[in-house]
Amino acid sequence: SSDCVRQLNRDKDPDERLPLASAETPMITAIDFINENVNGHMGLIHGGMTTIIAHSTMSLLAAANAHGSVARSLNMDYRKPIRTGHFVKIHAWLYHQQDNELKAAVHFYDLDNTMLVEATSNISIS
């Protein structure tokens, strides 16, 4: 809904904002159960596992839209802890494509739509 998109776009640079529903914007939405096998501290996901999920989601999106893509950088902003034993919603999208470069973003939310993590990545296309 448009209320959801407005909430997700708060305090964002225009290029990194979650796009309005559009067939032209490459996007993946996933729901993942964070089990206890990925604890960093008891009851919380390890930050490295969060990074792997973010990187993998953006890489999958890039691979579906450009063959031979490799992430050059990954910037993570951990806003709130992700609790194990809970589901998270993950939205990833491409917000820039020019020549041999893609830019992707990903947001993690709990089921109450609280943003937990956001990340961006610069991706090279070979």
N, C-alpha and C. Protein backbone atom coordinates (compact mmCIF):
# COMPACT_ATOMS: atom_id res chain seq x y z
N SER A 1 0.83 -1.18 0.00
CA SER A 1 0.00 0.00 0.00
C SER A 1 0.88 1.24 0.00
N SER A 2 0.30 2.36 -0.35
CA SER A 2 1.07 3.61 -0.39
C SER A 2 1.50 4.04 1.01
N ASP A 3 0.73 3.72 2.06
CA ASP A 3 1.14 4.04 3.43
C ASP A 3 2.42 3.29 3.80
N CYS A 4 2.50 2.04 3.39
CA CYS A 4 3.68 1.23 3.65
C CYS A 4 4.90 1.82 2.95
N VAL A 5 4.76 2.20 1.69
CA VAL A 5 5.87 2.78 0.93
C VAL A 5 6.32 4.09 1.57
N ARG A 6 5.39 4.93 2.00
CA ARG A 6 5.75 6.19 2.67
C ARG A 6 6.54 5.92 3.95
N GLN A 7 6.10 4.93 4.72
CA GLN A 7 6.81 4.58 5.95
C GLN A 7 8.23 4.11 5.64
N LEU A 8 8.37 3.30 4.63
CA LEU A 8 9.68 2.75 4.30
C LEU A 8 10.63 3.81 3.76
N ASN A 9 10.11 4.86 3.19
CA ASN A 9 10.93 5.88 2.55
C ASN A 9 11.33 7.02 3.47
N ARG A 10 10.86 7.02 4.69
CA ARG A 10 11.20 8.08 5.61
C ARG A 10 12.71 8.22 5.74
N ASP A 11 13.22 9.44 5.70
CA ASP A 11 14.64 9.74 5.92
C ASP A 11 15.56 9.04 4.92
N LYS A 12 15.16 8.90 3.70
CA LYS A 12 15.95 8.23 2.67
C LYS A 12 16.44 9.23 1.63
N ASP A 13 17.61 8.94 1.06
CA ASP A 13 18.02 9.65 -0.15
C ASP A 13 17.07 9.21 -1.25
N PRO A 14 16.72 10.11 -2.17
CA PRO A 14 15.72 9.75 -3.19
C PRO A 14 16.05 8.48 -3.97
N ASP A 15 17.30 8.24 -4.32
CA ASP A 15 17.63 7.07 -5.13
C ASP A 15 17.52 5.76 -4.36
N GLU A 16 17.62 5.82 -3.03
CA GLU A 16 17.59 4.60 -2.23
C GLU A 16 16.20 4.30 -1.68
N ARG A 17 15.23 5.09 -2.02
CA ARG A 17 13.88 4.87 -1.50
C ARG A 17 13.25 3.65 -2.14
N LEU A 18 12.44 2.99 -1.35
CA LEU A 18 11.70 1.86 -1.87
C LEU A 18 10.76 2.36 -2.96
N PRO A 19 10.82 1.77 -4.14
CA PRO A 19 10.00 2.29 -5.25
C PRO A 19 8.52 2.00 -5.05
N LEU A 20 7.72 2.84 -5.64
CA LEU A 20 6.29 2.54 -5.71
C LEU A 20 6.13 1.30 -6.58
N ALA A 21 5.04 0.59 -6.40
CA ALA A 21 4.83 -0.63 -7.19
C ALA A 21 4.96 -0.31 -8.66
N SER A 22 5.96 -0.91 -9.28
CA SER A 22 6.22 -0.65 -10.69
C SER A 22 6.86 -1.88 -11.30
N ALA A 23 6.37 -2.27 -12.45
CA ALA A 23 6.94 -3.42 -13.15
C ALA A 23 8.35 -3.11 -13.65
N GLU A 24 8.72 -1.83 -13.70
CA GLU A 24 10.03 -1.46 -14.22
C GLU A 24 11.13 -1.54 -13.17
N THR A 25 10.81 -1.62 -11.91
CA THR A 25 11.81 -1.66 -10.86
C THR A 25 12.07 -3.11 -10.47
N PRO A 26 13.29 -3.62 -10.74
CA PRO A 26 13.61 -4.99 -10.32
C PRO A 26 13.60 -5.08 -8.80
N MET A 27 12.83 -6.03 -8.26
CA MET A 27 12.65 -6.11 -6.82
C MET A 27 12.40 -7.54 -6.38
N ILE A 28 12.88 -7.86 -5.18
CA ILE A 28 12.61 -9.15 -4.54
C ILE A 28 12.05 -8.86 -3.15
N THR A 29 11.01 -9.57 -2.76
CA THR A 29 10.51 -9.53 -1.40
C THR A 29 10.52 -10.96 -0.88
N ALA A 30 11.08 -11.15 0.31
CA ALA A 30 11.17 -12.48 0.90
C ALA A 30 10.78 -12.41 2.36
N ILE A 31 10.34 -13.54 2.87
CA ILE A 31 10.10 -13.69 4.30
C ILE A 31 10.99 -14.83 4.77
N ASP A 32 11.73 -14.59 5.84
CA ASP A 32 12.70 -15.57 6.33
C ASP A 32 12.48 -15.80 7.82
N PHE A 33 12.57 -17.07 8.22
CA PHE A 33 12.52 -17.40 9.65
C PHE A 33 13.95 -17.45 10.16
N ILE A 34 14.26 -16.67 11.16
CA ILE A 34 15.60 -16.61 11.73
C ILE A 34 15.66 -17.61 12.89
N ASN A 35 16.28 -18.76 12.64
CA ASN A 35 16.28 -19.78 13.70
C ASN A 35 17.44 -19.58 14.68
N GLU A 36 17.40 -20.34 15.75
CA GLU A 36 18.36 -20.17 16.84
C GLU A 36 19.77 -20.61 16.48
N ASN A 37 19.97 -21.29 15.35
CA ASN A 37 21.31 -21.75 14.96
C ASN A 37 22.21 -20.61 14.52
N VAL A 38 21.70 -19.40 14.40
CA VAL A 38 22.50 -18.26 13.94
C VAL A 38 22.66 -17.20 15.03
N ASN A 39 22.56 -17.63 16.30
CA ASN A 39 22.73 -16.71 17.42
C ASN A 39 24.13 -16.10 17.42
N GLY A 40 24.19 -14.81 17.67
CA GLY A 40 25.45 -14.16 18.02
C GLY A 40 25.48 -14.12 19.54
N HIS A 41 24.56 -13.36 20.12
CA HIS A 41 24.25 -13.41 21.55
C HIS A 41 22.94 -14.16 21.66
N MET A 42 22.70 -14.73 22.81
CA MET A 42 21.49 -15.52 23.00
C MET A 42 20.25 -14.74 22.56
N GLY A 43 19.51 -15.31 21.61
CA GLY A 43 18.27 -14.70 21.16
C GLY A 43 18.41 -13.66 20.06
N LEU A 44 19.66 -13.38 19.62
CA LEU A 44 19.89 -12.38 18.57
C LEU A 44 20.72 -12.98 17.44
N ILE A 45 20.36 -12.64 16.22
CA ILE A 45 21.12 -13.13 15.07
C ILE A 45 22.53 -12.52 15.08
N HIS A 46 23.51 -13.28 14.65
CA HIS A 46 24.87 -12.78 14.51
C HIS A 46 24.91 -11.79 13.35
N GLY A 47 25.59 -10.66 13.54
CA GLY A 47 25.67 -9.63 12.50
C GLY A 47 26.24 -10.14 11.19
N GLY A 48 27.17 -11.08 11.26
CA GLY A 48 27.73 -11.67 10.04
C GLY A 48 26.69 -12.43 9.25
N MET A 49 25.78 -13.11 9.93
CA MET A 49 24.71 -13.82 9.23
C MET A 49 23.74 -12.83 8.59
N THR A 50 23.48 -11.72 9.27
CA THR A 50 22.64 -10.68 8.67
C THR A 50 23.28 -10.16 7.39
N THR A 51 24.59 -9.96 7.41
CA THR A 51 25.32 -9.50 6.23
C THR A 51 25.21 -10.51 5.10
N ILE A 52 25.33 -11.79 5.41
CA ILE A 52 25.23 -12.83 4.38
C ILE A 52 23.84 -12.81 3.74
N ILE A 53 22.80 -12.68 4.56
CA ILE A 53 21.44 -12.64 4.01
C ILE A 53 21.26 -11.42 3.12
N ALA A 54 21.72 -10.25 3.57
CA ALA A 54 21.60 -9.03 2.77
C ALA A 54 22.37 -9.17 1.46
N HIS A 55 23.61 -9.62 1.54
CA HIS A 55 24.44 -9.76 0.35
C HIS A 55 23.84 -10.77 -0.63
N SER A 56 23.39 -11.90 -0.10
CA SER A 56 22.81 -12.94 -0.95
C SER A 56 21.54 -12.47 -1.65
N THR A 57 20.71 -11.72 -0.94
CA THR A 57 19.46 -11.23 -1.53
C THR A 57 19.75 -10.24 -2.65
N MET A 58 20.67 -9.29 -2.40
CA MET A 58 21.01 -8.31 -3.45
C MET A 58 21.73 -8.98 -4.62
N SER A 59 22.57 -9.99 -4.33
CA SER A 59 23.28 -10.71 -5.40
C SER A 59 22.31 -11.50 -6.26
N LEU A 60 21.32 -12.13 -5.64
CA LEU A 60 20.30 -12.86 -6.39
C LEU A 60 19.55 -11.91 -7.32
N LEU A 61 19.19 -10.76 -6.80
CA LEU A 61 18.49 -9.76 -7.60
C LEU A 61 19.36 -9.30 -8.78
N ALA A 62 20.63 -9.03 -8.51
CA ALA A 62 21.55 -8.59 -9.57
C ALA A 62 21.73 -9.69 -10.62
N ALA A 63 21.90 -10.93 -10.17
CA ALA A 63 22.10 -12.04 -11.10
C ALA A 63 20.89 -12.26 -12.00
N ALA A 64 19.70 -12.00 -11.46
CA ALA A 64 18.48 -12.15 -12.25
C ALA A 64 18.34 -11.04 -13.30
N ASN A 65 19.09 -9.95 -13.12
CA ASN A 65 18.96 -8.81 -14.02
C ASN A 65 20.21 -8.50 -14.83
N ALA A 66 21.34 -9.11 -14.49
CA ALA A 66 22.59 -8.88 -15.23
C ALA A 66 23.53 -10.05 -14.98
N HIS A 67 23.95 -10.72 -16.03
CA HIS A 67 24.86 -11.86 -15.88
C HIS A 67 26.26 -11.37 -15.55
N GLY A 68 26.97 -12.14 -14.75
CA GLY A 68 28.34 -11.81 -14.41
C GLY A 68 28.49 -10.66 -13.44
N SER A 69 27.60 -10.58 -12.45
CA SER A 69 27.65 -9.47 -11.50
C SER A 69 28.43 -9.87 -10.25
N VAL A 70 29.21 -8.91 -9.73
CA VAL A 70 30.01 -9.12 -8.53
C VAL A 70 29.88 -7.88 -7.65
N ALA A 71 29.56 -8.08 -6.37
CA ALA A 71 29.43 -6.95 -5.44
C ALA A 71 30.81 -6.35 -5.17
N ARG A 72 30.92 -5.03 -5.29
CA ARG A 72 32.17 -4.31 -4.99
C ARG A 72 32.17 -3.74 -3.59
N SER A 73 31.01 -3.39 -3.08
CA SER A 73 30.94 -2.83 -1.73
C SER A 73 29.60 -3.18 -1.12
N LEU A 74 29.59 -3.21 0.19
CA LEU A 74 28.36 -3.48 0.94
C LEU A 74 28.38 -2.60 2.17
N ASN A 75 27.38 -1.76 2.33
CA ASN A 75 27.26 -0.88 3.49
C ASN A 75 26.04 -1.31 4.30
N MET A 76 26.26 -1.61 5.57
CA MET A 76 25.20 -2.09 6.45
C MET A 76 24.90 -1.05 7.52
N ASP A 77 23.62 -0.86 7.80
CA ASP A 77 23.17 0.02 8.88
C ASP A 77 22.25 -0.81 9.77
N TYR A 78 22.79 -1.26 10.90
CA TYR A 78 22.03 -2.07 11.85
C TYR A 78 21.25 -1.13 12.76
N ARG A 79 19.94 -1.09 12.58
CA ARG A 79 19.11 -0.15 13.34
C ARG A 79 18.58 -0.74 14.64
N LYS A 80 18.15 -1.99 14.58
CA LYS A 80 17.61 -2.67 15.77
C LYS A 80 18.03 -4.13 15.69
N PRO A 81 18.17 -4.79 16.83
CA PRO A 81 18.55 -6.20 16.82
C PRO A 81 17.48 -7.07 16.14
N ILE A 82 17.95 -8.10 15.47
CA ILE A 82 17.04 -9.09 14.88
C ILE A 82 17.01 -10.28 15.83
N ARG A 83 15.85 -10.60 16.31
CA ARG A 83 15.69 -11.68 17.27
C ARG A 83 15.57 -13.02 16.54
N THR A 84 16.23 -14.02 17.09
CA THR A 84 16.07 -15.37 16.54
C THR A 84 14.72 -15.91 17.00
N GLY A 85 14.24 -16.91 16.26
CA GLY A 85 12.94 -17.47 16.56
C GLY A 85 11.79 -16.64 16.03
N HIS A 86 12.08 -15.69 15.13
CA HIS A 86 11.06 -14.81 14.56
C HIS A 86 11.23 -14.72 13.03
N PHE A 87 10.18 -14.28 12.38
CA PHE A 87 10.22 -14.03 10.95
C PHE A 87 10.66 -12.60 10.68
N VAL A 88 11.33 -12.38 9.55
CA VAL A 88 11.64 -11.04 9.06
C VAL A 88 11.19 -10.94 7.61
N LYS A 89 10.82 -9.72 7.22
CA LYS A 89 10.51 -9.43 5.82
C LYS A 89 11.73 -8.74 5.23
N ILE A 90 12.08 -9.13 4.03
CA ILE A 90 13.26 -8.58 3.36
C ILE A 90 12.83 -8.05 2.00
N HIS A 91 13.09 -6.76 1.76
CA HIS A 91 12.80 -6.14 0.47
C HIS A 91 14.13 -5.70 -0.14
N ALA A 92 14.39 -6.13 -1.36
CA ALA A 92 15.61 -5.71 -2.07
C ALA A 92 15.22 -5.20 -3.45
N TRP A 93 15.92 -4.17 -3.92
CA TRP A 93 15.61 -3.61 -5.23
C TRP A 93 16.85 -2.97 -5.83
N LEU A 94 16.85 -2.87 -7.15
CA LEU A 94 17.89 -2.14 -7.87
C LEU A 94 17.41 -0.72 -8.05
N TYR A 95 18.26 0.25 -7.74
CA TYR A 95 17.83 1.64 -7.89
C TYR A 95 18.70 2.42 -8.86
N HIS A 96 19.69 1.77 -9.45
CA HIS A 96 20.54 2.45 -10.42
C HIS A 96 21.19 1.41 -11.31
N GLN A 97 21.19 1.67 -12.61
CA GLN A 97 21.92 0.82 -13.54
C GLN A 97 22.47 1.70 -14.64
N GLN A 98 23.78 1.67 -14.78
CA GLN A 98 24.43 2.46 -15.81
C GLN A 98 25.70 1.73 -16.24
N ASP A 99 25.87 1.58 -17.54
CA ASP A 99 27.04 0.89 -18.09
C ASP A 99 27.25 -0.44 -17.37
N ASN A 100 28.37 -0.59 -16.69
CA ASN A 100 28.68 -1.85 -16.02
C ASN A 100 28.51 -1.78 -14.51
N GLU A 101 27.56 -0.97 -14.06
CA GLU A 101 27.36 -0.81 -12.63
C GLU A 101 25.88 -0.87 -12.26
N LEU A 102 25.61 -1.58 -11.18
CA LEU A 102 24.28 -1.61 -10.57
C LEU A 102 24.41 -1.12 -9.14
N LYS A 103 23.34 -0.54 -8.61
CA LYS A 103 23.27 -0.23 -7.20
C LYS A 103 22.00 -0.88 -6.67
N ALA A 104 22.16 -1.54 -5.53
CA ALA A 104 21.03 -2.25 -4.93
C ALA A 104 20.87 -1.81 -3.48
N ALA A 105 19.66 -1.97 -2.97
CA ALA A 105 19.37 -1.69 -1.56
C ALA A 105 18.53 -2.83 -1.01
N VAL A 106 18.62 -3.02 0.30
CA VAL A 106 17.82 -4.03 0.97
C VAL A 106 17.42 -3.50 2.34
N HIS A 107 16.18 -3.81 2.74
CA HIS A 107 15.68 -3.47 4.07
C HIS A 107 15.16 -4.74 4.73
N PHE A 108 15.41 -4.88 6.01
CA PHE A 108 14.86 -5.96 6.82
C PHE A 108 13.84 -5.33 7.77
N TYR A 109 12.68 -5.97 7.93
CA TYR A 109 11.62 -5.50 8.82
C TYR A 109 11.12 -6.65 9.68
N ASP A 110 10.69 -6.34 10.88
CA ASP A 110 9.97 -7.35 11.64
C ASP A 110 8.52 -7.36 11.13
N LEU A 111 7.71 -8.23 11.69
CA LEU A 111 6.34 -8.34 11.19
C LEU A 111 5.45 -7.18 11.62
N ASP A 112 5.97 -6.28 12.47
CA ASP A 112 5.25 -5.05 12.82
C ASP A 112 5.70 -3.87 11.96
N ASN A 113 6.48 -4.16 10.91
CA ASN A 113 7.02 -3.15 9.98
C ASN A 113 8.02 -2.20 10.60
N THR A 114 8.72 -2.63 11.63
CA THR A 114 9.81 -1.85 12.19
C THR A 114 11.07 -2.18 11.40
N MET A 115 11.76 -1.15 10.87
CA MET A 115 12.97 -1.41 10.12
C MET A 115 14.07 -1.85 11.08
N LEU A 116 14.69 -2.98 10.75
CA LEU A 116 15.75 -3.53 11.58
C LEU A 116 17.13 -3.27 10.99
N VAL A 117 17.25 -3.42 9.70
CA VAL A 117 18.53 -3.27 9.00
C VAL A 117 18.26 -2.70 7.63
N GLU A 118 19.18 -1.85 7.17
CA GLU A 118 19.16 -1.46 5.77
C GLU A 118 20.58 -1.55 5.25
N ALA A 119 20.70 -1.86 3.98
CA ALA A 119 22.02 -2.00 3.37
C ALA A 119 21.96 -1.55 1.92
N THR A 120 23.10 -1.12 1.41
CA THR A 120 23.24 -0.80 0.00
C THR A 120 24.49 -1.49 -0.53
N SER A 121 24.51 -1.69 -1.84
CA SER A 121 25.65 -2.36 -2.46
C SER A 121 25.89 -1.79 -3.84
N ASN A 122 27.17 -1.61 -4.18
CA ASN A 122 27.57 -1.30 -5.54
C ASN A 122 28.00 -2.60 -6.18
N ILE A 123 27.49 -2.88 -7.36
CA ILE A 123 27.70 -4.16 -8.02
C ILE A 123 28.27 -3.92 -9.42
N SER A 124 29.35 -4.61 -9.75
CA SER A 124 29.95 -4.51 -11.08
C SER A 124 29.42 -5.62 -11.96
N ILE A 125 29.23 -5.31 -13.22
CA ILE A 125 28.80 -6.29 -14.21
C ILE A 125 29.97 -6.53 -15.15
N SER A 126 30.37 -7.80 -15.27
CA SER A 126 31.50 -8.09 -16.16
C SER A 126 31.04 -8.46 -17.55
